[in-house]
Amino acid sequence: MSFFEKLDRAIARNQSLLVAALDPNPEIMPPNYRADCNIKKMEDWLQSIVAETSHLVCAYKPTLGFYEALGTEGFQLLSQVLATIPTDIPVILDAKHGDLNTSTVFARTIFDGWQVDAVTLNPYAGQDHVAPFLVYSDKGVFILCHTANPGAVALQDYPIPDSPFYLQVVREAKTWGSPEQLFLEVGTAEIEVLTKIRSLAPERIILVRSIWGEGDRLKQLLTAGLNNNGAGLLIPVPQGLFLEDNLAEKIWAIREEINQVKSQITPANSSCDLWVPDVCLLNQHPHQDLILQLYDIDCLLFGQYVQASGATFSYYIDLRRIISNPQIFHQVLNAYAEILQNLTFDRIAGIPYGSLPTATGLSLSLHRPMIYPRKEVKAHGTRRLIEGNFHPGEKVVIIDDILITGKSAMEGAEKLKSVGLEVEDIVVFIDHEQGVKDRLKKNGYRAHSVLTISEITETLYEAGRINEEQYRSLNQKH
């Protein structure tokens, strides 16, 4: 699971935009831990924070410098703290790494060795420094574009406040990575600064710092930092709370206040509703939330429907709706990507017309070129059978939405093979399980599916989304 997806799920599950620091900093430790402070007390305190807050925050953010200052014991402490964090809560390592010469080995250490999910970087060395971190496509990178340090004004606001350098950092950083992998870190006490950055980067997640000043600033902060869908902002837990008793109670109060204010300022016509699960199954399917969401947005309909194959089913699966819900569409793309990462191919081919948006999204996220076979060849123009650039002998993976008879996928494969391309793998979202995979295998194709109709049926029935009659109508087709 990617950092972006893990963060998205943690936000939805805990209904929280809060990020908690996990720093062995004696200045913010409660008196009972600070007295005769040692490594063991630091470990106990940091682990207690995780135990109290894992249901209230969307991410944890240990600052590497505090652990480095403790020497060998500090790195051991960091390892122990990371092991305490639940695997479904993402970890953002606050490193502010900025050394080009060590970027490759540092990226390997934190992502492969320490298994953190994201890191903060100093952008001054440019894209060359950031690239070794972006190689890890399932990880996240936060680019520091503004700091609240007064001494930084001479650089950040150069040459003039109306056209400051920090906004140029935002413009440049946006070209380095996708919105699902590259994000921004903003330290500021000025709402105007956050407003300018959000205006310039409406699609990016922003991690804010140094925002808890005097007065009632929360509404201003959220208004300036949230995107049009009421998302895209990560807010730090105020450091002063770590000194107080009843930490969980205090964080809960802040979370509720944030959610209340957010609900007031988020436009009623937000284009992407936040879906949260309302069931907890003992035998949870890996894609349970996705299955339930597809049902809740009416991708699964009941009645008498004639399929493209001519068969009549008592249900109809309409996956075209997902393109209007970015949150769900992103999950669908990630589910496909989990299969594709284990396959060998040069290009992605979408089958018109239903799977073209999915193939396009996968092409962008996986950085693989896309082509597609035309459903019909026009009598004018280029009269091309295959749209897009390709070279004979290249291997192509076919993307389709639903596997009922396999006819459309095989027809598309034959068109691709007719121009000299190789096709071995066909990846679909839903398999109707009527022996189609075996039929494809006999024709020389390997079929892969994210979900089967029986998996969908069982999950919906166990979750109470469908009744026994609907359950039977789904089951009788496979």
Protein backbone atom coordinates (compact mmCIF):
# COMPACT_ATOMS: atom_id res chain seq x y z
CA MET A 1 0.00 0.00 0.00
CA SER A 2 1.38 3.42 -0.93
CA PHE A 3 1.91 6.27 1.52
CA PHE A 4 -0.84 8.26 -0.18
CA GLU A 5 -3.34 5.44 0.18
CA LYS A 6 -2.33 4.65 3.77
CA LEU A 7 -2.67 8.33 4.71
CA ASP A 8 -6.04 8.60 2.97
CA ARG A 9 -7.35 5.58 4.86
CA ALA A 10 -5.98 6.80 8.20
CA ILE A 11 -7.66 10.20 7.72
CA ALA A 12 -10.98 8.52 6.92
CA ARG A 13 -10.75 5.89 9.64
CA ASN A 14 -9.75 8.24 12.47
CA GLN A 15 -11.60 11.26 11.07
CA SER A 16 -8.47 13.28 11.73
CA LEU A 17 -6.07 15.65 9.97
CA LEU A 18 -3.73 15.70 12.98
CA VAL A 19 -0.08 14.64 12.85
CA ALA A 20 1.68 13.87 16.15
CA ALA A 21 5.40 14.47 16.62
CA LEU A 22 7.42 11.68 18.24
CA ASP A 23 10.52 13.53 19.39
CA PRO A 24 12.79 12.68 22.35
CA ASN A 25 12.89 16.35 23.25
CA PRO A 26 13.19 16.92 27.03
CA GLU A 27 11.68 20.40 26.65
CA ILE A 28 8.25 18.98 25.81
CA MET A 29 8.34 15.96 28.11
CA PRO A 30 6.00 15.91 31.15
CA PRO A 31 7.73 16.51 34.51
CA ASN A 32 7.41 12.88 35.64
CA TYR A 33 9.35 11.73 32.57
CA ARG A 34 11.77 14.67 32.46
CA ALA A 35 13.08 14.07 35.99
CA ASP A 36 16.31 12.05 35.76
CA CYS A 37 15.68 11.70 32.06
CA ASN A 38 17.32 8.79 30.27
CA ILE A 39 16.79 6.73 27.11
CA LYS A 40 14.43 4.33 28.87
CA LYS A 41 12.20 7.16 30.08
CA MET A 42 12.19 8.69 26.61
CA GLU A 43 11.15 5.36 25.12
CA ASP A 44 8.37 4.89 27.68
CA TRP A 45 7.06 8.40 27.05
CA LEU A 46 7.11 8.14 23.23
CA GLN A 47 5.42 4.74 23.33
CA SER A 48 2.77 6.11 25.66
CA ILE A 49 2.02 8.85 23.10
CA VAL A 50 1.42 6.22 20.42
CA ALA A 51 -0.76 4.15 22.73
CA GLU A 52 -2.92 7.16 23.62
CA THR A 53 -3.25 8.73 20.17
CA SER A 54 -3.20 6.03 17.45
CA HIS A 55 -6.99 6.34 17.07
CA LEU A 56 -6.91 10.14 16.97
CA VAL A 57 -4.19 11.05 14.43
CA CYS A 58 -3.58 10.33 10.76
CA ALA A 59 0.23 10.16 10.91
CA TYR A 60 3.26 10.30 13.19
CA LYS A 61 6.30 12.49 12.53
CA PRO A 62 9.57 11.71 14.34
CA THR A 63 12.28 14.34 13.88
CA LEU A 64 15.54 12.64 12.95
CA GLY A 65 17.76 15.32 14.47
CA PHE A 66 16.62 14.60 18.04
CA TYR A 67 17.53 10.93 17.64
CA GLU A 68 20.85 11.70 15.94
CA ALA A 69 21.82 13.92 18.89
CA LEU A 70 21.60 10.88 21.19
CA GLY A 71 24.16 8.92 19.18
CA THR A 72 23.95 5.15 18.85
CA GLU A 73 21.32 4.93 21.57
CA GLY A 74 19.23 7.43 19.64
CA PHE A 75 19.07 5.27 16.52
CA GLN A 76 18.15 2.27 18.67
CA LEU A 77 15.42 4.38 20.27
CA LEU A 78 14.10 5.41 16.85
CA SER A 79 13.93 1.76 15.80
CA GLN A 80 11.99 0.85 18.94
CA VAL A 81 9.58 3.76 18.51
CA LEU A 82 8.92 2.93 14.85
CA ALA A 83 8.14 -0.66 15.84
CA THR A 84 5.50 0.63 18.27
CA ILE A 85 3.51 2.52 15.63
CA PRO A 86 0.57 0.53 14.18
CA THR A 87 1.23 -0.50 10.59
CA ASP A 88 -1.91 1.26 9.33
CA ILE A 89 -0.68 4.68 10.55
CA PRO A 90 1.86 6.27 8.17
CA VAL A 91 5.20 7.61 9.42
CA ILE A 92 6.67 10.85 8.06
CA LEU A 93 10.36 11.10 8.93
CA ASP A 94 11.14 14.78 9.51
CA ALA A 95 14.71 14.75 8.20
CA LYS A 96 14.96 17.96 6.15
CA HIS A 97 17.63 16.08 4.27
CA GLY A 98 19.45 18.32 1.83
CA ASP A 99 22.72 16.65 0.86
CA LEU A 100 22.86 15.60 -2.78
CA ASN A 101 25.84 13.26 -2.32
CA THR A 102 24.09 11.07 0.27
CA SER A 103 20.55 11.19 -1.06
CA THR A 104 20.60 7.74 -2.69
CA VAL A 105 22.00 5.89 0.32
CA PHE A 106 19.80 7.87 2.71
CA ALA A 107 16.66 7.05 0.70
CA ARG A 108 17.58 3.37 0.73
CA THR A 109 18.19 3.45 4.49
CA ILE A 110 14.94 5.09 5.52
CA PHE A 111 12.64 3.44 3.00
CA ASP A 112 14.10 -0.05 2.74
CA GLY A 113 15.75 -0.29 6.15
CA TRP A 114 13.57 1.73 8.50
CA GLN A 115 10.39 1.24 6.46
CA VAL A 116 9.13 4.78 7.02
CA ASP A 117 6.42 5.94 4.64
CA ALA A 118 7.50 9.49 3.81
CA VAL A 119 10.28 12.00 4.39
CA THR A 120 10.76 15.77 4.45
CA LEU A 121 13.47 17.21 2.18
CA ASN A 122 15.21 20.53 1.72
CA PRO A 123 14.81 21.47 -1.98
CA TYR A 124 17.81 23.77 -2.38
CA ALA A 125 19.84 21.19 -4.36
CA GLY A 126 16.97 20.81 -6.80
CA GLN A 127 15.40 17.84 -8.54
CA ASP A 128 18.66 15.85 -8.62
CA HIS A 129 18.50 15.59 -4.85
CA VAL A 130 14.83 14.62 -4.76
CA ALA A 131 14.91 12.04 -7.56
CA PRO A 132 16.46 9.16 -5.53
CA PHE A 133 13.55 9.39 -3.09
CA LEU A 134 10.92 9.52 -5.84
CA VAL A 135 12.27 6.27 -7.25
CA TYR A 136 10.32 4.63 -4.41
CA SER A 137 6.90 5.03 -6.01
CA ASP A 138 4.99 3.84 -2.93
CA LYS A 139 6.63 6.40 -0.63
CA GLY A 140 5.98 10.10 -0.05
CA VAL A 141 8.20 13.17 -0.26
CA PHE A 142 7.43 16.48 1.47
CA ILE A 143 9.30 19.48 0.07
CA LEU A 144 10.00 22.29 2.52
CA CYS A 145 8.91 25.43 0.70
CA HIS A 146 8.47 27.88 3.58
CA THR A 147 9.63 28.16 7.17
CA ALA A 148 8.43 30.37 10.02
CA ASN A 149 11.98 31.21 11.05
CA PRO A 150 12.30 35.05 10.97
CA GLY A 151 15.86 34.80 9.69
CA ALA A 152 14.67 33.07 6.55
CA VAL A 153 12.72 36.08 5.30
CA ALA A 154 15.75 37.49 3.46
CA LEU A 155 15.81 34.34 1.30
CA GLN A 156 12.17 33.29 1.19
CA ASP A 157 10.79 36.69 0.19
CA TYR A 158 13.58 37.46 -2.29
CA PRO A 159 13.53 39.40 -4.56
CA ILE A 160 10.23 41.08 -3.61
CA PRO A 161 7.32 40.00 -1.40
CA ASP A 162 4.93 40.02 -4.37
CA SER A 163 7.07 37.46 -6.22
CA PRO A 164 8.89 35.55 -3.47
CA PHE A 165 11.35 32.71 -3.84
CA TYR A 166 9.22 30.30 -1.76
CA LEU A 167 6.50 30.39 -4.42
CA GLN A 168 9.11 29.56 -7.07
CA VAL A 169 10.01 26.51 -4.95
CA VAL A 170 6.35 25.45 -5.10
CA ARG A 171 6.18 25.92 -8.88
CA GLU A 172 9.36 23.95 -9.44
CA ALA A 173 8.58 21.15 -6.97
CA LYS A 174 5.24 20.48 -8.66
CA THR A 175 7.14 19.37 -11.77
CA TRP A 176 9.20 16.81 -9.84
CA GLY A 177 6.49 14.32 -8.86
CA SER A 178 2.79 13.50 -8.97
CA PRO A 179 0.26 14.78 -6.39
CA GLU A 180 0.12 11.23 -5.00
CA GLN A 181 3.84 11.17 -4.23
CA LEU A 182 5.18 14.71 -3.78
CA PHE A 183 3.76 17.09 -1.18
CA LEU A 184 4.60 20.40 0.47
CA GLU A 185 5.69 21.39 3.98
CA VAL A 186 4.82 24.91 5.08
CA GLY A 187 5.92 26.55 8.30
CA THR A 188 4.21 29.88 8.79
CA ALA A 189 2.28 32.00 11.22
CA GLU A 190 0.88 34.05 8.34
CA ILE A 191 -2.42 32.97 6.84
CA GLU A 192 -1.61 34.95 3.69
CA VAL A 193 1.43 32.75 2.98
CA LEU A 194 -0.65 29.58 3.25
CA THR A 195 -3.34 31.12 1.02
CA LYS A 196 -0.81 31.88 -1.72
CA ILE A 197 0.68 28.38 -1.61
CA ARG A 198 -2.72 26.69 -1.70
CA SER A 199 -3.75 28.85 -4.63
CA LEU A 200 -0.61 27.83 -6.52
CA ALA A 201 -0.87 24.13 -5.58
CA PRO A 202 -4.57 23.24 -5.18
CA GLU A 203 -3.85 19.55 -5.85
CA ARG A 204 -1.08 19.01 -3.26
CA ILE A 205 -1.24 17.84 0.33
CA ILE A 206 0.25 20.48 2.61
CA LEU A 207 1.87 19.66 5.95
CA VAL A 208 1.72 22.83 8.03
CA ARG A 209 3.93 23.82 10.96
CA SER A 210 4.22 26.69 13.42
CA ILE A 211 0.57 27.61 12.98
CA TRP A 212 -0.60 27.57 16.59
CA GLY A 213 -0.36 31.22 17.55
CA GLU A 214 -2.44 33.48 19.75
CA GLY A 215 -6.12 34.01 19.13
CA ASP A 216 -8.71 32.00 17.27
CA ARG A 217 -6.86 31.14 14.07
CA LEU A 218 -8.23 27.69 13.34
CA LYS A 219 -11.00 28.77 10.97
CA GLN A 220 -8.61 31.04 9.06
CA LEU A 221 -6.05 28.25 8.84
CA LEU A 222 -8.52 25.70 7.51
CA THR A 223 -10.08 28.16 5.08
CA ALA A 224 -6.66 28.98 3.66
CA GLY A 225 -5.20 25.47 3.65
CA LEU A 226 -7.98 23.04 2.74
CA ASN A 227 -8.59 22.32 -0.91
CA ASN A 228 -12.00 22.58 -2.58
CA ASN A 229 -12.90 19.08 -1.38
CA GLY A 230 -12.22 19.91 2.28
CA ALA A 231 -9.00 17.87 2.30
CA GLY A 232 -5.30 18.17 1.49
CA LEU A 233 -4.10 19.58 4.81
CA LEU A 234 -2.14 17.96 7.65
CA ILE A 235 -2.10 19.78 10.98
CA PRO A 236 0.43 19.27 13.80
CA VAL A 237 -0.63 18.46 17.34
CA PRO A 238 0.39 21.54 19.40
CA GLN A 239 3.64 20.71 21.19
CA GLY A 240 2.37 22.21 24.43
CA LEU A 241 -0.16 19.40 24.77
CA PHE A 242 2.60 16.84 25.32
CA LEU A 243 3.43 18.53 28.63
CA GLU A 244 -0.09 18.11 29.96
CA ASP A 245 -2.03 15.26 31.50
CA ASN A 246 -4.88 13.57 29.62
CA LEU A 247 -3.15 13.87 26.25
CA ALA A 248 -5.75 11.77 24.44
CA GLU A 249 -8.57 13.88 25.78
CA LYS A 250 -6.90 17.11 24.66
CA ILE A 251 -6.15 15.77 21.16
CA TRP A 252 -9.70 14.45 20.86
CA ALA A 253 -11.02 17.95 21.63
CA ILE A 254 -8.80 19.54 18.96
CA ARG A 255 -9.79 16.89 16.42
CA GLU A 256 -13.48 17.54 17.07
CA GLU A 257 -12.98 21.29 16.79
CA ILE A 258 -11.15 20.88 13.48
CA ASN A 259 -13.87 18.63 12.08
CA GLN A 260 -16.60 21.01 13.19
CA VAL A 261 -14.94 24.02 11.60
CA LYS A 262 -14.10 22.00 8.50
CA SER A 263 -17.73 21.01 8.05
CA GLN A 264 -18.75 24.68 8.23
CA ILE A 265 -16.34 25.93 5.59
CA THR A 266 -16.25 22.99 3.16
CA PRO A 267 -18.49 23.78 0.17
CA ALA A 268 -21.75 21.86 0.08
CA ASN A 269 -21.07 20.94 -3.55
CA SER A 270 -17.69 19.38 -2.83
CA SER A 271 -16.74 17.18 -5.73
CA CYS A 272 -15.39 14.32 -3.62
CA ASP A 273 -17.35 13.10 -0.62
CA LEU A 274 -15.44 11.48 2.24
CA TRP A 275 -16.59 7.90 2.72
CA VAL A 276 -15.99 6.12 6.02
CA PRO A 277 -16.68 2.44 6.79
CA ASP A 278 -19.65 1.52 8.98
CA VAL A 279 -18.93 -2.19 9.45
CA CYS A 280 -16.20 -4.32 10.97
CA LEU A 281 -16.03 -7.90 9.70
CA LEU A 282 -14.03 -10.63 11.40
CA ASN A 283 -12.88 -12.08 8.08
CA GLN A 284 -12.15 -8.79 6.39
CA HIS A 285 -11.41 -8.85 2.67
CA PRO A 286 -8.29 -6.82 1.71
CA HIS A 287 -10.50 -4.62 -0.48
CA GLN A 288 -13.51 -4.55 1.86
CA ASP A 289 -13.74 -0.76 2.01
CA LEU A 290 -13.52 -0.49 -1.76
CA ILE A 291 -16.26 -3.10 -2.29
CA LEU A 292 -18.59 -1.29 0.11
CA GLN A 293 -17.88 2.07 -1.47
CA LEU A 294 -18.65 0.73 -4.95
CA TYR A 295 -21.99 -0.49 -3.67
CA ASP A 296 -22.72 2.78 -1.87
CA ILE A 297 -22.23 4.88 -5.03
CA ASP A 298 -24.56 2.58 -7.01
CA CYS A 299 -21.97 0.75 -9.08
CA LEU A 300 -23.95 -2.42 -8.31
CA LEU A 301 -27.59 -2.34 -9.39
CA PHE A 302 -30.35 -4.97 -9.09
CA GLY A 303 -33.02 -5.71 -11.71
CA GLN A 304 -33.10 -7.43 -15.12
CA TYR A 305 -30.18 -6.20 -17.20
CA VAL A 306 -29.02 -7.35 -20.62
CA GLN A 307 -25.22 -7.56 -20.76
CA ALA A 308 -23.06 -6.75 -23.78
CA SER A 309 -22.72 -10.49 -24.30
CA GLY A 310 -26.51 -10.80 -24.73
CA ALA A 311 -27.01 -12.66 -21.45
CA THR A 312 -29.58 -11.35 -18.96
CA PHE A 313 -28.41 -10.96 -15.35
CA SER A 314 -30.41 -9.99 -12.25
CA TYR A 315 -27.78 -7.38 -11.48
CA TYR A 316 -25.61 -4.90 -13.35
CA ILE A 317 -22.15 -3.60 -12.48
CA ASP A 318 -21.52 -0.06 -13.72
CA LEU A 319 -17.91 0.95 -13.10
CA ARG A 320 -18.17 4.16 -15.12
CA ARG A 321 -19.38 5.97 -12.01
CA ILE A 322 -15.99 5.73 -10.32
CA ILE A 323 -14.41 8.37 -12.55
CA SER A 324 -16.64 10.98 -10.87
CA ASN A 325 -15.32 10.07 -7.41
CA PRO A 326 -11.56 10.72 -7.23
CA GLN A 327 -11.19 9.08 -3.81
CA ILE A 328 -12.59 5.74 -5.03
CA PHE A 329 -10.99 6.00 -8.47
CA HIS A 330 -7.59 6.34 -6.83
CA GLN A 331 -8.20 3.19 -4.78
CA VAL A 332 -9.21 1.31 -7.92
CA LEU A 333 -6.00 2.40 -9.68
CA ASN A 334 -3.92 1.27 -6.71
CA ALA A 335 -5.64 -2.11 -6.76
CA TYR A 336 -4.78 -2.58 -10.43
CA ALA A 337 -1.22 -1.39 -9.79
CA GLU A 338 -0.68 -4.08 -7.15
CA ILE A 339 -1.17 -6.68 -9.88
CA LEU A 340 0.73 -4.83 -12.60
CA GLN A 341 3.87 -4.43 -10.48
CA ASN A 342 4.40 -8.20 -10.76
CA LEU A 343 4.02 -8.32 -14.55
CA THR A 344 6.48 -7.58 -17.35
CA PHE A 345 5.29 -5.22 -20.08
CA ASP A 346 6.35 -2.24 -22.20
CA ARG A 347 2.98 -0.55 -22.77
CA ILE A 348 -0.51 -0.44 -21.30
CA ALA A 349 -3.52 -0.94 -23.58
CA GLY A 350 -7.04 0.02 -22.53
CA ILE A 351 -10.08 -1.62 -24.09
CA PRO A 352 -12.58 0.99 -25.38
CA TYR A 353 -14.50 2.51 -23.98
CA GLY A 354 -15.09 1.60 -20.36
CA SER A 355 -11.49 0.93 -19.35
CA LEU A 356 -9.84 3.88 -21.10
CA PRO A 357 -9.97 6.19 -18.03
CA THR A 358 -8.46 3.42 -15.90
CA ALA A 359 -5.71 2.71 -18.42
CA THR A 360 -4.95 6.43 -18.63
CA GLY A 361 -4.72 6.73 -14.85
CA LEU A 362 -2.40 3.72 -14.66
CA SER A 363 -0.24 5.08 -17.44
CA LEU A 364 0.23 8.33 -15.53
CA SER A 365 0.80 6.77 -12.12
CA LEU A 366 3.12 3.99 -13.32
CA HIS A 367 4.90 6.14 -15.92
CA ARG A 368 4.23 3.58 -18.67
CA PRO A 369 3.17 4.59 -22.20
CA MET A 370 -0.40 3.82 -23.21
CA ILE A 371 -2.02 2.72 -26.46
CA TYR A 372 -5.46 1.38 -27.32
CA PRO A 373 -7.10 -0.62 -30.10
CA ARG A 374 -9.93 1.21 -31.79
CA LYS A 375 -13.37 -0.28 -31.37
CA GLU A 376 -14.03 0.56 -34.99
CA VAL A 377 -11.72 1.84 -37.71
CA LYS A 378 -12.88 5.12 -39.21
CA ALA A 379 -13.12 5.55 -42.96
CA HIS A 380 -11.36 8.91 -42.77
CA GLY A 381 -8.25 10.36 -41.18
CA THR A 382 -5.34 8.01 -40.49
CA ARG A 383 -7.61 4.93 -40.35
CA ARG A 384 -5.36 3.52 -37.65
CA LEU A 385 -6.31 0.30 -35.90
CA ILE A 386 -4.14 1.12 -32.85
CA GLU A 387 -3.92 4.63 -31.40
CA GLY A 388 -0.64 5.74 -29.87
CA ASN A 389 3.02 5.10 -30.59
CA PHE A 390 4.50 1.61 -30.39
CA HIS A 391 7.12 -0.67 -31.88
CA PRO A 392 6.51 -4.21 -33.15
CA GLY A 393 7.77 -6.83 -30.72
CA GLU A 394 6.89 -4.83 -27.61
CA LYS A 395 4.95 -6.55 -24.86
CA VAL A 396 1.57 -5.05 -23.98
CA VAL A 397 -0.64 -5.65 -20.95
CA ILE A 398 -4.39 -5.25 -21.56
CA ILE A 399 -6.55 -3.36 -19.06
CA ASP A 400 -10.28 -4.11 -19.03
CA ASP A 401 -13.03 -3.50 -16.48
CA ILE A 402 -15.19 -6.65 -16.23
CA LEU A 403 -14.54 -10.18 -17.42
CA ILE A 404 -17.83 -11.85 -18.40
CA THR A 405 -17.08 -13.77 -21.59
CA GLY A 406 -13.61 -12.42 -22.35
CA LYS A 407 -14.72 -11.52 -25.88
CA SER A 408 -13.84 -7.81 -25.81
CA ALA A 409 -10.43 -8.45 -24.22
CA MET A 410 -9.52 -11.15 -26.75
CA GLU A 411 -10.71 -9.03 -29.67
CA GLY A 412 -8.54 -6.19 -28.45
CA ALA A 413 -5.60 -8.56 -27.99
CA GLU A 414 -5.96 -9.87 -31.54
CA LYS A 415 -5.93 -6.33 -32.92
CA LEU A 416 -2.74 -5.57 -30.98
CA LYS A 417 -1.10 -8.79 -32.14
CA SER A 418 -2.04 -8.04 -35.76
CA VAL A 419 0.39 -5.10 -35.76
CA GLY A 420 3.25 -7.12 -34.29
CA LEU A 421 2.73 -6.51 -30.56
CA GLU A 422 2.93 -9.28 -27.97
CA VAL A 423 0.07 -9.84 -25.50
CA GLU A 424 0.24 -12.32 -22.63
CA ASP A 425 -1.53 -10.69 -19.68
CA ILE A 426 -5.06 -9.31 -19.31
CA VAL A 427 -5.87 -7.47 -16.06
CA VAL A 428 -9.49 -6.73 -15.12
CA PHE A 429 -11.21 -5.29 -12.10
CA ILE A 430 -13.98 -7.88 -11.69
CA ASP A 431 -14.07 -11.51 -12.80
CA HIS A 432 -17.52 -13.11 -13.10
CA GLU A 433 -15.95 -16.54 -12.54
CA GLN A 434 -17.71 -18.50 -15.25
CA GLY A 435 -14.59 -20.27 -16.40
CA VAL A 436 -13.51 -17.30 -18.48
CA LYS A 437 -9.97 -17.30 -17.13
CA ASP A 438 -9.59 -20.91 -18.23
CA ARG A 439 -11.00 -20.03 -21.65
CA LEU A 440 -8.48 -17.19 -21.98
CA LYS A 441 -5.68 -19.50 -20.90
CA LYS A 442 -6.57 -21.92 -23.70
CA ASN A 443 -6.20 -19.00 -26.11
CA GLY A 444 -2.75 -18.13 -24.77
CA TYR A 445 -3.60 -15.37 -22.29
CA ARG A 446 -3.08 -15.07 -18.54
CA ALA A 447 -6.00 -13.33 -16.83
CA HIS A 448 -5.69 -11.46 -13.52
CA SER A 449 -8.47 -9.80 -11.53
CA VAL A 450 -8.64 -7.44 -8.58
CA LEU A 451 -11.96 -8.90 -7.39
CA THR A 452 -14.24 -11.81 -8.18
CA ILE A 453 -18.02 -11.65 -8.11
CA SER A 454 -18.08 -14.15 -5.22
CA GLU A 455 -15.75 -11.97 -3.15
CA ILE A 456 -18.03 -9.00 -3.76
CA THR A 457 -21.12 -11.04 -2.95
CA GLU A 458 -19.79 -12.43 0.31
CA THR A 459 -18.56 -9.04 1.53
CA LEU A 460 -21.82 -7.23 0.72
CA TYR A 461 -23.90 -9.95 2.35
CA GLU A 462 -21.79 -10.12 5.51
CA ALA A 463 -21.88 -6.32 5.76
CA GLY A 464 -25.67 -6.26 5.45
CA ARG A 465 -25.62 -4.27 2.22
CA ILE A 466 -27.64 -6.92 0.36
CA ASN A 467 -30.37 -9.28 1.54
CA GLU A 468 -30.57 -13.04 1.11
CA GLU A 469 -32.57 -12.83 -2.11
CA GLN A 470 -30.03 -10.51 -3.70
CA TYR A 471 -27.24 -12.71 -2.37
CA ARG A 472 -28.74 -15.74 -4.11
CA SER A 473 -29.27 -13.82 -7.37
CA LEU A 474 -25.59 -12.89 -7.40
CA ASN A 475 -24.45 -16.38 -6.43
CA GLN A 476 -26.40 -18.22 -9.10
CA LYS A 477 -24.31 -16.70 -11.84
CA HIS A 478 -21.03 -18.30 -10.83
